[in-house]
Protein backbone atom coordinates (compact mmCIF):
# COMPACT_ATOMS: atom_id res chain seq x y z
CA MET A 1 17.49 11.59 -30.89
CA SER A 2 14.08 13.21 -30.18
CA HIS A 3 13.25 16.68 -31.10
CA VAL A 4 11.13 19.27 -29.44
CA GLY A 5 7.53 18.08 -29.20
CA CYS A 6 8.47 14.46 -30.03
CA PRO A 7 8.36 11.54 -27.55
CA LEU A 8 11.38 10.99 -25.46
CA ARG A 9 13.34 7.98 -26.77
CA VAL A 10 14.30 5.97 -23.66
CA ALA A 11 16.28 2.72 -23.53
CA ILE A 12 15.38 0.77 -20.40
CA LEU A 13 17.62 -1.96 -18.98
CA CYS A 14 15.90 -4.97 -17.28
CA GLU A 15 17.94 -7.77 -15.78
CA PHE A 16 15.40 -10.56 -15.33
CA GLU A 17 12.83 -12.27 -17.56
CA SER A 18 10.38 -12.46 -14.72
CA VAL A 19 7.66 -9.95 -13.84
CA ASN A 20 7.97 -8.93 -10.19
CA GLY A 21 7.39 -5.75 -8.41
CA GLY A 22 10.04 -3.75 -10.23
CA GLU A 23 8.88 -4.94 -13.67
CA ARG A 24 5.19 -4.42 -12.85
CA SER A 25 5.98 -0.83 -11.76
CA LEU A 26 7.89 -0.16 -14.95
CA LEU A 27 5.08 -1.53 -17.14
CA ALA A 28 2.47 0.54 -15.33
CA MET A 29 4.55 3.65 -15.83
CA LEU A 30 5.08 2.89 -19.62
CA ASP A 31 1.34 2.25 -20.00
CA ALA A 32 0.59 5.71 -18.57
CA LEU A 33 3.31 7.53 -20.63
CA GLN A 34 2.37 6.30 -24.05
CA VAL A 35 2.24 9.73 -25.56
CA GLY A 36 5.41 11.26 -23.89
CA VAL A 37 7.81 8.29 -24.27
CA ASP A 38 9.09 6.06 -27.05
CA PRO A 39 10.65 3.18 -25.15
CA VAL A 40 12.92 0.40 -26.21
CA VAL A 41 13.31 -2.26 -23.49
CA PHE A 42 16.65 -4.06 -23.30
CA ALA A 43 15.71 -7.45 -21.65
CA PRO A 44 16.22 -11.26 -21.91
CA PRO A 45 14.74 -12.81 -25.06
CA ALA A 46 11.90 -14.88 -23.49
CA GLY A 47 9.85 -15.14 -20.42
CA ARG A 48 6.98 -13.32 -18.76
CA LEU A 49 8.55 -9.91 -19.25
CA ALA A 50 9.03 -10.51 -22.95
CA ASP A 51 5.40 -11.71 -23.20
CA GLU A 52 4.24 -8.43 -21.51
CA LEU A 53 6.31 -6.32 -23.94
CA ALA A 54 4.85 -8.12 -26.86
CA LYS A 55 1.34 -7.75 -25.60
CA ARG A 56 1.87 -4.04 -25.44
CA ARG A 57 3.79 -3.94 -28.80
CA LEU A 58 6.71 -2.31 -27.11
CA THR A 59 10.16 -2.48 -28.83
CA HIS A 60 12.13 -5.34 -27.32
CA GLN A 61 15.89 -5.38 -27.76
CA VAL A 62 17.42 -8.68 -26.61
CA PHE A 63 19.99 -8.08 -23.91
CA ASN A 64 20.91 -10.95 -21.75
CA VAL A 65 22.91 -10.17 -18.51
CA ARG A 66 23.48 -13.98 -18.04
CA ASP A 67 24.93 -16.62 -20.26
CA ALA A 68 23.22 -19.91 -21.32
CA ASP A 69 24.23 -21.59 -18.05
CA GLY A 70 22.57 -18.71 -15.92
CA ARG A 71 25.99 -17.14 -14.91
CA ARG A 72 26.34 -13.44 -14.98
CA ARG A 73 28.48 -12.33 -17.93
CA PRO A 74 31.60 -10.33 -17.29
CA SER A 75 30.93 -6.58 -16.88
CA THR A 76 33.46 -5.65 -19.69
CA GLU A 77 31.49 -7.83 -22.08
CA LEU A 78 28.13 -6.41 -20.97
CA LEU A 79 29.34 -2.79 -21.19
CA ALA A 80 30.76 -3.34 -24.78
CA GLU A 81 27.38 -4.90 -25.94
CA LEU A 82 25.39 -2.20 -24.19
CA ALA A 83 27.46 0.54 -25.84
CA MET A 84 26.90 -1.09 -29.22
CA LEU A 85 23.07 -1.22 -28.70
CA ILE A 86 22.97 2.37 -27.52
CA ASN A 87 24.71 3.35 -30.65
CA ARG A 88 22.25 1.33 -32.79
CA HIS A 89 19.07 2.71 -31.06
CA ARG A 90 20.30 6.25 -30.33
CA PRO A 91 18.12 6.90 -27.26
CA ASP A 92 17.83 10.29 -25.67
CA LEU A 93 18.32 8.58 -22.23
CA VAL A 94 19.29 5.20 -20.86
CA HIS A 95 17.39 4.06 -17.69
CA ALA A 96 18.32 1.18 -15.42
CA ASN A 97 15.23 -0.43 -13.84
CA SER A 98 17.11 -2.01 -10.92
CA LEU A 99 20.06 -1.51 -8.67
CA ALA A 100 22.22 -4.02 -10.49
CA MET A 101 21.53 -2.37 -13.79
CA ALA A 102 22.20 1.00 -12.18
CA ARG A 103 25.76 -0.16 -11.64
CA LEU A 104 26.00 -1.06 -15.31
CA THR A 105 24.70 2.22 -16.66
CA GLY A 106 26.85 4.13 -14.25
CA GLU A 107 29.93 2.46 -15.60
CA LEU A 108 29.21 3.38 -19.22
CA PRO A 109 31.99 5.65 -20.54
CA SER A 110 30.83 9.29 -20.58
CA GLN A 111 30.10 10.76 -24.04
CA PRO A 112 28.24 13.82 -25.29
CA GLY A 113 24.51 13.16 -25.39
CA LEU A 114 24.55 10.08 -23.22
CA HIS A 115 22.15 10.66 -20.28
CA ARG A 116 21.69 8.07 -17.60
CA THR A 117 19.11 7.55 -14.84
CA ALA A 118 18.42 4.49 -12.58
CA HIS A 119 15.95 3.15 -10.19
CA LEU A 120 16.88 1.86 -6.73
CA ARG A 121 14.22 -0.60 -5.72
CA ASP A 122 16.13 -2.49 -3.09
CA ILE A 123 17.54 -1.93 0.39
CA VAL A 124 20.75 -3.83 0.38
CA LYS A 125 24.30 -3.24 1.44
CA LEU A 126 26.58 -2.02 -1.24
CA SER A 127 30.28 -2.26 -1.81
CA ASN A 128 32.32 0.93 -2.32
CA ALA A 129 32.71 -0.14 -5.98
CA ALA A 130 28.99 -0.43 -6.36
CA VAL A 131 28.33 3.09 -4.82
CA ARG A 132 30.89 4.55 -7.20
CA ALA A 133 29.26 3.01 -10.20
CA ILE A 134 25.78 4.09 -9.15
CA ASN A 135 26.99 7.66 -8.71
CA GLY A 136 28.01 7.50 -12.41
CA ASN A 137 24.37 8.05 -13.35
CA ASP A 138 22.97 11.54 -13.85
CA ARG A 139 19.95 10.88 -11.58
CA VAL A 140 19.07 8.06 -9.23
CA ILE A 141 15.47 7.38 -8.28
CA ALA A 142 14.63 5.81 -4.96
CA VAL A 143 11.18 4.34 -4.59
CA SER A 144 10.86 5.56 -1.03
CA GLN A 145 12.44 7.94 1.38
CA ALA A 146 13.59 4.96 3.45
CA THR A 147 15.38 3.61 0.40
CA ALA A 148 16.93 6.97 -0.38
CA ASP A 149 18.07 7.43 3.26
CA PHE A 150 19.69 4.01 3.33
CA HIS A 151 21.66 4.46 0.13
CA GLN A 152 22.69 7.97 0.94
CA ALA A 153 24.13 6.73 4.20
CA GLN A 154 26.27 4.25 2.05
CA GLY A 155 27.58 7.07 -0.06
CA VAL A 156 25.14 7.54 -2.95
CA ASP A 157 25.34 11.17 -4.02
CA PRO A 158 22.44 13.02 -2.41
CA THR A 159 22.51 15.62 -5.18
CA ARG A 160 21.63 12.82 -7.57
CA LEU A 161 18.91 11.15 -5.48
CA THR A 162 15.14 11.79 -6.10
CA VAL A 163 12.38 9.99 -4.25
CA LEU A 164 9.55 8.87 -6.60
CA HIS A 165 6.98 6.47 -5.23
CA ASN A 166 5.49 3.81 -7.45
CA GLY A 167 1.97 4.29 -8.80
CA VAL A 168 -0.85 1.88 -9.30
CA VAL A 169 -3.55 1.68 -11.97
CA LEU A 170 -6.71 2.36 -9.98
CA ASP A 171 -9.07 0.83 -12.57
CA GLU A 172 -7.20 -2.51 -12.42
CA PHE A 173 -6.72 -2.69 -8.69
CA ARG A 174 -10.01 -1.61 -7.39
CA PRO A 175 -12.62 -2.82 -4.84
CA CYS A 176 -15.49 -5.16 -5.95
CA ARG A 177 -18.41 -3.23 -7.46
CA SER A 178 -21.00 -5.63 -6.02
CA ARG A 179 -21.44 -8.51 -3.62
CA ALA A 180 -22.20 -10.69 -6.61
CA GLU A 181 -18.77 -9.85 -8.18
CA ARG A 182 -17.08 -10.84 -5.01
CA ASP A 183 -19.10 -14.09 -4.52
CA GLY A 184 -18.23 -15.01 -8.17
CA LEU A 185 -14.55 -14.48 -7.56
CA ARG A 186 -14.56 -16.58 -4.38
CA THR A 187 -16.48 -19.41 -6.15
CA ARG A 188 -13.94 -19.41 -8.95
CA CYS A 189 -11.06 -19.80 -6.39
CA GLY A 190 -12.90 -22.62 -4.53
CA TRP A 191 -13.59 -20.53 -1.38
CA ARG A 192 -16.76 -20.90 0.56
CA HIS A 193 -18.78 -18.08 1.80
CA GLU A 194 -17.78 -18.77 5.37
CA ASP A 195 -14.09 -19.13 4.62
CA PHE A 196 -11.66 -16.40 5.92
CA VAL A 197 -8.99 -16.16 3.27
CA VAL A 198 -5.60 -14.71 4.11
CA MET A 199 -3.28 -13.92 1.26
CA SER A 200 0.47 -13.31 0.99
CA VAL A 201 1.91 -12.28 -2.35
CA GLY A 202 5.54 -12.16 -3.24
CA GLN A 203 8.66 -14.25 -4.05
CA ILE A 204 9.39 -17.14 -1.86
CA GLY A 205 12.52 -16.08 -0.02
CA MET A 206 13.86 -15.07 3.37
CA ARG A 207 13.25 -11.42 2.88
CA LYS A 208 9.50 -11.78 2.55
CA GLY A 209 9.09 -13.34 6.02
CA LEU A 210 6.97 -16.31 5.02
CA ASP A 211 8.59 -18.30 7.86
CA VAL A 212 7.28 -15.75 10.31
CA LEU A 213 3.82 -15.87 8.66
CA ILE A 214 3.59 -19.64 8.82
CA GLU A 215 4.54 -19.57 12.49
CA ALA A 216 1.98 -16.85 13.26
CA ALA A 217 -0.88 -18.16 11.15
CA GLY A 218 -0.30 -21.89 11.50
CA PRO A 219 -1.93 -22.37 14.90
CA LEU A 220 -4.93 -20.21 13.81
CA LEU A 221 -5.39 -22.14 10.70
CA ARG A 222 -5.11 -25.56 12.59
CA ASP A 223 -7.73 -24.43 15.11
CA ASP A 224 -10.14 -22.70 12.80
CA PRO A 225 -11.47 -24.72 9.85
CA ARG A 226 -12.83 -21.50 8.25
CA MET A 227 -9.33 -20.11 7.65
CA ARG A 228 -7.37 -20.52 4.46
CA LEU A 229 -3.88 -19.17 3.65
CA TRP A 230 -3.02 -18.54 -0.02
CA LEU A 231 0.66 -18.05 -0.73
CA VAL A 232 0.97 -16.49 -4.12
CA GLY A 233 4.34 -16.38 -5.75
CA GLU A 234 7.27 -18.60 -6.60
CA ARG A 235 10.98 -19.08 -5.74
CA TYR A 236 13.28 -17.70 -8.40
CA SER A 237 16.69 -18.32 -6.78
CA GLN A 238 18.17 -21.76 -7.45
CA LYS A 239 20.74 -21.33 -4.62
CA ALA A 240 20.83 -24.19 -2.11
CA GLU A 241 19.86 -21.99 0.74
CA ALA A 242 16.78 -20.70 -1.11
CA VAL A 243 15.76 -24.24 -1.96
CA GLU A 244 16.14 -25.34 1.70
CA PHE A 245 14.21 -22.30 2.96
CA GLU A 246 11.19 -23.26 0.86
CA GLN A 247 11.41 -26.92 1.92
CA ARG A 248 11.64 -25.84 5.48
CA LEU A 249 8.44 -23.82 5.15
CA VAL A 250 6.59 -26.87 3.87
CA ARG A 251 7.97 -29.01 6.66
CA ARG A 252 6.96 -26.49 9.28
CA GLN A 253 3.38 -26.19 8.11
CA ASP A 254 3.24 -29.97 8.26
CA GLU A 255 4.52 -29.95 11.81
CA ILE A 256 2.04 -27.39 12.94
CA GLY A 257 -0.79 -29.30 11.29
CA ALA A 258 -1.97 -26.59 8.92
CA THR A 259 -1.14 -28.27 5.58
CA ALA A 260 -4.73 -28.81 4.41
CA GLN A 261 -5.52 -25.16 4.80
CA VAL A 262 -2.37 -23.71 3.03
CA ASP A 263 -2.35 -23.21 -0.75
CA TRP A 264 0.94 -22.66 -2.57
CA THR A 265 -0.42 -21.12 -5.77
CA GLY A 266 2.86 -20.31 -7.67
CA TYR A 267 2.81 -17.35 -9.99
CA ARG A 268 -0.67 -15.91 -10.73
CA SER A 269 -1.49 -13.40 -13.34
CA ASP A 270 -4.88 -12.57 -11.76
CA VAL A 271 -3.64 -11.09 -8.48
CA SER A 272 -6.02 -8.10 -8.65
CA GLU A 273 -9.01 -10.51 -8.78
CA LEU A 274 -7.63 -12.61 -5.94
CA MET A 275 -7.29 -9.48 -3.85
CA ARG A 276 -10.85 -8.50 -4.56
CA GLY A 277 -12.02 -11.91 -3.38
CA ALA A 278 -9.85 -12.62 -0.33
CA ASP A 279 -10.41 -11.17 3.19
CA LEU A 280 -6.91 -10.02 4.35
CA LEU A 281 -3.44 -9.46 3.04
CA VAL A 282 -0.54 -10.20 5.34
CA HIS A 283 2.95 -8.93 4.38
CA ALA A 284 5.46 -10.17 6.91
CA ALA A 285 8.51 -8.84 5.10
CA ARG A 286 11.84 -8.36 6.95
CA GLN A 287 12.75 -5.58 4.54
CA GLU A 288 10.58 -3.67 2.13
CA PRO A 289 11.65 -0.59 0.13
CA PHE A 290 8.13 0.22 -0.98
CA GLY A 291 6.06 -2.89 -1.43
CA ARG A 292 4.28 -3.13 -4.78
CA VAL A 293 1.92 -5.69 -3.32
CA LEU A 294 1.00 -3.28 -0.57
CA LEU A 295 0.19 -0.62 -3.05
CA GLU A 296 -1.99 -2.95 -5.11
CA ALA A 297 -3.80 -4.41 -2.05
CA ALA A 298 -4.46 -0.93 -0.64
CA ALA A 299 -5.95 0.09 -4.09
CA THR A 300 -8.38 -2.86 -3.99
CA GLY A 301 -9.54 -1.73 -0.55
CA MET A 302 -8.18 -4.82 1.05
CA PRO A 303 -7.47 -4.83 4.77
CA ILE A 304 -3.66 -5.07 5.33
CA ILE A 305 -1.33 -6.30 8.00
CA ALA A 306 2.26 -5.34 7.33
CA THR A 307 5.59 -5.18 9.09
CA ALA A 308 7.17 -1.82 10.05
CA ALA A 309 9.94 -2.29 7.46
CA GLY A 310 11.56 0.12 5.03
CA GLY A 311 9.15 2.37 3.13
CA THR A 312 5.94 0.73 4.29
CA ARG A 313 4.92 3.60 6.61
CA GLU A 314 5.23 6.08 3.78
CA LEU A 315 2.34 4.15 2.20
CA LEU A 316 0.27 2.88 5.11
CA THR A 317 -0.50 4.56 8.45
CA ALA A 318 -0.57 2.26 11.53
CA GLY A 319 -4.08 1.84 12.90
CA GLU A 320 -5.69 3.89 10.19
CA SER A 321 -5.03 2.22 6.79
CA ALA A 322 -3.33 -0.96 8.07
CA LEU A 323 -2.31 -2.86 11.14
CA ILE A 324 1.55 -2.53 11.46
CA VAL A 325 3.48 -5.05 13.52
CA PRO A 326 7.17 -5.28 14.32
CA VAL A 327 9.45 -7.17 11.99
CA GLY A 328 9.79 -10.82 12.97
CA ASP A 329 7.34 -10.66 15.86
CA VAL A 330 5.31 -13.85 15.57
CA ASP A 331 3.02 -13.12 18.49
CA SER A 332 2.13 -9.64 17.40
CA LEU A 333 1.38 -10.89 13.89
CA ARG A 334 -0.75 -13.79 15.09
CA GLY A 335 -2.68 -11.31 17.33
CA ALA A 336 -3.19 -8.98 14.38
CA ILE A 337 -4.50 -11.74 12.16
CA ALA A 338 -6.95 -12.97 14.78
CA ARG A 339 -8.16 -9.45 15.44
CA CYS A 340 -8.85 -8.82 11.84
CA ARG A 341 -10.55 -12.28 11.41
CA ASP A 342 -12.98 -11.44 14.29
CA ASP A 343 -13.67 -7.86 13.48
CA ALA A 344 -15.48 -7.16 10.16
CA ALA A 345 -15.91 -3.51 10.93
CA LEU A 346 -12.15 -3.07 11.50
CA ARG A 347 -11.44 -4.74 8.13
CA GLU A 348 -13.92 -2.46 6.39
CA ARG A 349 -12.46 0.65 8.04
CA LEU A 350 -8.89 -0.33 7.14
CA GLY A 351 -9.73 -1.08 3.50
CA VAL A 352 -11.67 2.12 2.87
CA ALA A 353 -8.88 4.23 4.35
CA ALA A 354 -6.20 2.35 2.37
CA ARG A 355 -8.05 2.93 -0.86
CA ARG A 356 -8.58 6.59 -0.13
CA ARG A 357 -4.86 6.98 0.62
CA VAL A 358 -3.90 5.45 -2.76
CA GLU A 359 -6.42 7.52 -4.68
CA GLN A 360 -4.93 10.76 -3.03
CA GLU A 361 -1.21 9.96 -3.30
CA PHE A 362 -0.26 6.88 -5.40
CA SER A 363 -2.28 6.64 -8.59
CA ILE A 364 -0.34 5.92 -11.72
CA ASP A 365 -1.82 9.11 -13.33
CA SER A 366 -0.17 11.21 -10.59
CA GLN A 367 3.15 9.41 -10.41
CA ALA A 368 3.99 8.73 -14.10
CA PRO A 369 4.24 12.36 -15.08
CA LYS A 370 6.82 12.84 -12.35
CA LEU A 371 9.03 10.22 -13.95
CA LEU A 372 8.63 11.79 -17.34
CA ARG A 373 9.50 15.29 -16.05
CA LEU A 374 12.66 13.84 -14.36
CA TRP A 375 13.74 12.18 -17.60
CA GLN A 376 13.01 15.35 -19.59
CA ALA A 377 14.96 17.54 -17.05
CA THR A 378 17.86 15.13 -17.28
CA VAL A 379 18.05 15.26 -21.04
CA ALA A 380 17.83 19.08 -20.87
CA GLY A 381 20.70 19.16 -18.36
CA GLU A 382 18.74 20.49 -15.50
CA SER A 383 19.87 19.53 -11.97
CA SER A 384 16.46 18.78 -10.55
């Protein structure tokens, strides 16, 4: 256990081996809290997250939620292993980095000195059993007010709920410093000076609304040879419906006649550079608790079109720092893309306002200390 003046020993539970929004947010927080926190990350043994932990020389304790066949292990088995690992590492606090892990930490048997916090990074319907388990945590952190309101309506204890927005590293996600830098980035990506490059970043899945984006952008791409659409991300789910959804997207772009101008890039580790070089980010999500990609794009000064979903409007102001369109509205999205393509002054204004907003409210240097104070207060037994 830590003593006064020593870093807080925090065990952090991560379910997946991938590095998506929740993991990127966690890593950014830990990078900013190097002095105040001594973390040990319970995570799968290999994969991109393990690589990032090794790069940072963070303590990585192998903890696999799934068996060798990819099936989730029984909760009783996971809880027994988790209790053993907690006893071995003796953390001051155990933190769940996702909703699924919040259920697990909330089900740990109570014992003196065991403090539990959890992040809610999703807006999904929960069973009564899941709500009871989540309420077993001392504190529950929602990444947006929209997320908090949704889960409180499902029965998550409001006295345990705190809203803490994610933060972004402003030096990593920043605007280009010169025209030469931007031209170099575009050349590296194979983009011509006259190309208008639209990006979408995120997992390939129904929630991200890529089907709506392809319907909206497809005719514009087909009719304007300057336009390119870069779809950055990959499909993680192996479920039949997820595979079919991706295949349907590819078939639809072929039917529209836009295939030659759509690039499926898969996972990219250079998203900040791509954002600095591209012309527009479009986020057509059907649901979005507090989109990490929106935070990062805003920090680069990138013009953004997003849907009015979840916590998006806590980050972006319609008409000021982004164009906001209704969820699932193909015509509105197509019109917004065309408007941004044809109006360079609008793109400049949106990008400058978005960067200013992030600088004022969502830098990692302003957000990370809030998480540390919450952890410290939890260990100290303070209610808030």
